[in-house]
Amino acid sequence: HTLSPVPFVIFDPQYSGEYKMAELAVRGLSNVAGTILNLLGFENVEDYDPSLIEFTQ
C-alpha cells in the first residue's frame, strides 16, 4: 500500500457520457470497490467509501 498517487483507469468502449468523475475531497483505493459495484449496475454498499463516478443519466 502507498499514500502516493496511483492511476485508476476505467476502460469502457461503450461509454456515451452516462457517468462522470465524482467530486470527492479525498480519493483512494478504498473507493474502488464502490466504483466497480456501480459499473456493474449495483448500488454502493453503505459500509463502503463513495464511488469514484456518479451517473448523469
N, C-alpha and C. Protein backbone atom coordinates (compact mmCIF):
# COMPACT_ATOMS: atom_id res chain seq x y z
N HIS A 1 0.85 -1.19 0.00
CA HIS A 1 0.00 0.00 0.00
C HIS A 1 0.88 1.24 0.00
N THR A 2 0.31 2.31 -0.52
CA THR A 2 1.08 3.54 -0.62
C THR A 2 0.17 4.74 -0.46
N LEU A 3 0.73 5.83 -0.02
CA LEU A 3 0.00 7.09 0.03
C LEU A 3 0.29 7.94 -1.20
N SER A 4 1.14 7.42 -2.07
CA SER A 4 1.46 8.12 -3.31
C SER A 4 0.30 8.00 -4.29
N PRO A 5 0.13 8.99 -5.16
CA PRO A 5 -0.93 8.91 -6.17
C PRO A 5 -0.72 7.71 -7.09
N VAL A 6 -1.79 6.99 -7.35
CA VAL A 6 -1.76 5.83 -8.23
C VAL A 6 -2.90 5.98 -9.23
N PRO A 7 -2.64 5.84 -10.52
CA PRO A 7 -3.71 6.00 -11.51
C PRO A 7 -4.75 4.89 -11.41
N PHE A 8 -5.99 5.25 -11.71
CA PHE A 8 -7.09 4.30 -11.80
C PHE A 8 -7.78 4.57 -13.13
N VAL A 9 -7.81 3.58 -14.00
CA VAL A 9 -8.32 3.76 -15.36
C VAL A 9 -9.57 2.92 -15.54
N ILE A 10 -10.61 3.53 -16.10
CA ILE A 10 -11.81 2.80 -16.48
C ILE A 10 -11.81 2.74 -18.00
N PHE A 11 -11.74 1.54 -18.54
CA PHE A 11 -11.81 1.35 -19.99
C PHE A 11 -13.22 0.89 -20.32
N ASP A 12 -13.96 1.74 -20.99
CA ASP A 12 -15.35 1.45 -21.32
C ASP A 12 -15.58 1.83 -22.78
N PRO A 13 -15.41 0.89 -23.71
CA PRO A 13 -15.55 1.22 -25.13
C PRO A 13 -16.96 1.65 -25.52
N GLN A 14 -17.94 1.41 -24.66
CA GLN A 14 -19.32 1.81 -24.96
C GLN A 14 -19.72 3.09 -24.22
N TYR A 15 -18.76 3.78 -23.63
CA TYR A 15 -19.04 5.00 -22.87
C TYR A 15 -19.70 6.04 -23.75
N SER A 16 -20.82 6.59 -23.27
CA SER A 16 -21.51 7.64 -24.03
C SER A 16 -21.93 8.79 -23.12
N GLY A 17 -21.13 9.05 -22.10
CA GLY A 17 -21.39 10.19 -21.22
C GLY A 17 -22.34 9.91 -20.08
N GLU A 18 -22.66 8.65 -19.81
CA GLU A 18 -23.65 8.33 -18.77
C GLU A 18 -23.12 8.47 -17.35
N TYR A 19 -21.82 8.65 -17.19
CA TYR A 19 -21.25 8.89 -15.86
C TYR A 19 -20.06 9.83 -15.98
N LYS A 20 -19.70 10.40 -14.85
CA LYS A 20 -18.55 11.31 -14.80
C LYS A 20 -17.83 11.08 -13.48
N MET A 21 -16.65 11.66 -13.35
CA MET A 21 -15.90 11.56 -12.10
C MET A 21 -16.65 12.28 -10.99
N ALA A 22 -16.78 11.63 -9.87
CA ALA A 22 -17.43 12.25 -8.71
C ALA A 22 -16.49 13.28 -8.10
N GLU A 23 -17.06 14.34 -7.57
CA GLU A 23 -16.25 15.37 -6.93
C GLU A 23 -16.08 14.98 -5.46
N LEU A 24 -15.01 14.27 -5.18
CA LEU A 24 -14.70 13.83 -3.83
C LEU A 24 -13.50 14.60 -3.30
N ALA A 25 -13.52 14.95 -2.03
CA ALA A 25 -12.40 15.66 -1.43
C ALA A 25 -11.16 14.77 -1.38
N VAL A 26 -11.37 13.50 -1.06
CA VAL A 26 -10.26 12.55 -0.97
C VAL A 26 -10.63 11.32 -1.78
N ARG A 27 -9.72 10.89 -2.64
CA ARG A 27 -9.93 9.68 -3.44
C ARG A 27 -8.83 8.69 -3.10
N GLY A 28 -9.19 7.41 -3.10
CA GLY A 28 -8.17 6.42 -2.78
C GLY A 28 -8.60 5.02 -3.15
N LEU A 29 -7.77 4.08 -2.79
CA LEU A 29 -8.01 2.68 -3.08
C LEU A 29 -9.35 2.21 -2.50
N SER A 30 -9.74 2.78 -1.37
CA SER A 30 -10.99 2.36 -0.73
C SER A 30 -12.23 2.73 -1.54
N ASN A 31 -12.10 3.60 -2.53
CA ASN A 31 -13.23 3.99 -3.37
C ASN A 31 -13.44 3.04 -4.55
N VAL A 32 -12.49 2.18 -4.81
CA VAL A 32 -12.55 1.32 -6.00
C VAL A 32 -13.69 0.30 -5.91
N ALA A 33 -13.90 -0.31 -4.75
CA ALA A 33 -14.95 -1.33 -4.62
C ALA A 33 -16.32 -0.76 -4.95
N GLY A 34 -16.65 0.40 -4.42
CA GLY A 34 -17.93 1.04 -4.72
C GLY A 34 -18.06 1.42 -6.18
N THR A 35 -16.97 1.83 -6.77
CA THR A 35 -16.96 2.19 -8.19
C THR A 35 -17.27 0.97 -9.06
N ILE A 36 -16.64 -0.15 -8.75
CA ILE A 36 -16.88 -1.37 -9.52
C ILE A 36 -18.33 -1.83 -9.36
N LEU A 37 -18.87 -1.75 -8.15
CA LEU A 37 -20.28 -2.10 -7.95
C LEU A 37 -21.17 -1.24 -8.85
N ASN A 38 -20.92 0.07 -8.88
CA ASN A 38 -21.71 0.96 -9.72
C ASN A 38 -21.59 0.61 -11.20
N LEU A 39 -20.39 0.33 -11.66
CA LEU A 39 -20.20 -0.02 -13.07
C LEU A 39 -20.89 -1.33 -13.43
N LEU A 40 -21.06 -2.23 -12.45
CA LEU A 40 -21.76 -3.49 -12.68
C LEU A 40 -23.27 -3.34 -12.56
N GLY A 41 -23.74 -2.13 -12.21
CA GLY A 41 -25.17 -1.88 -12.14
C GLY A 41 -25.78 -2.01 -10.75
N PHE A 42 -24.93 -2.13 -9.73
CA PHE A 42 -25.42 -2.25 -8.36
C PHE A 42 -25.25 -0.94 -7.60
N GLU A 43 -26.05 -0.76 -6.55
CA GLU A 43 -25.89 0.38 -5.66
C GLU A 43 -24.67 0.15 -4.78
N ASN A 44 -24.02 1.23 -4.40
CA ASN A 44 -22.89 1.13 -3.49
C ASN A 44 -23.38 0.68 -2.12
N VAL A 45 -22.61 -0.12 -1.43
CA VAL A 45 -22.94 -0.60 -0.10
C VAL A 45 -22.66 0.52 0.91
N GLU A 46 -23.53 0.68 1.89
CA GLU A 46 -23.40 1.77 2.86
C GLU A 46 -22.06 1.76 3.59
N ASP A 47 -21.52 0.58 3.84
CA ASP A 47 -20.25 0.48 4.58
C ASP A 47 -19.03 0.80 3.72
N TYR A 48 -19.20 0.92 2.40
CA TYR A 48 -18.08 1.21 1.50
C TYR A 48 -17.91 2.72 1.37
N ASP A 49 -16.71 3.12 1.01
CA ASP A 49 -16.48 4.53 0.68
C ASP A 49 -17.17 4.85 -0.64
N PRO A 50 -17.43 6.14 -0.90
CA PRO A 50 -18.17 6.51 -2.12
C PRO A 50 -17.47 6.08 -3.41
N SER A 51 -18.26 5.92 -4.43
CA SER A 51 -17.78 5.58 -5.76
C SER A 51 -17.00 6.75 -6.34
N LEU A 52 -16.08 6.45 -7.23
CA LEU A 52 -15.32 7.48 -7.93
C LEU A 52 -16.10 8.10 -9.08
N ILE A 53 -17.25 7.49 -9.41
CA ILE A 53 -18.07 8.01 -10.51
C ILE A 53 -19.48 8.33 -10.00
N GLU A 54 -20.16 9.19 -10.73
CA GLU A 54 -21.58 9.43 -10.48
C GLU A 54 -22.29 9.42 -11.83
N PHE A 55 -23.46 8.85 -11.84
CA PHE A 55 -24.20 8.72 -13.09
C PHE A 55 -24.93 10.01 -13.41
N THR A 56 -24.90 10.40 -14.67
CA THR A 56 -25.53 11.64 -15.13
C THR A 56 -26.84 11.37 -15.84
N GLN A 57 -27.07 10.13 -16.24
CA GLN A 57 -28.29 9.78 -16.97
C GLN A 57 -29.07 8.74 -16.23
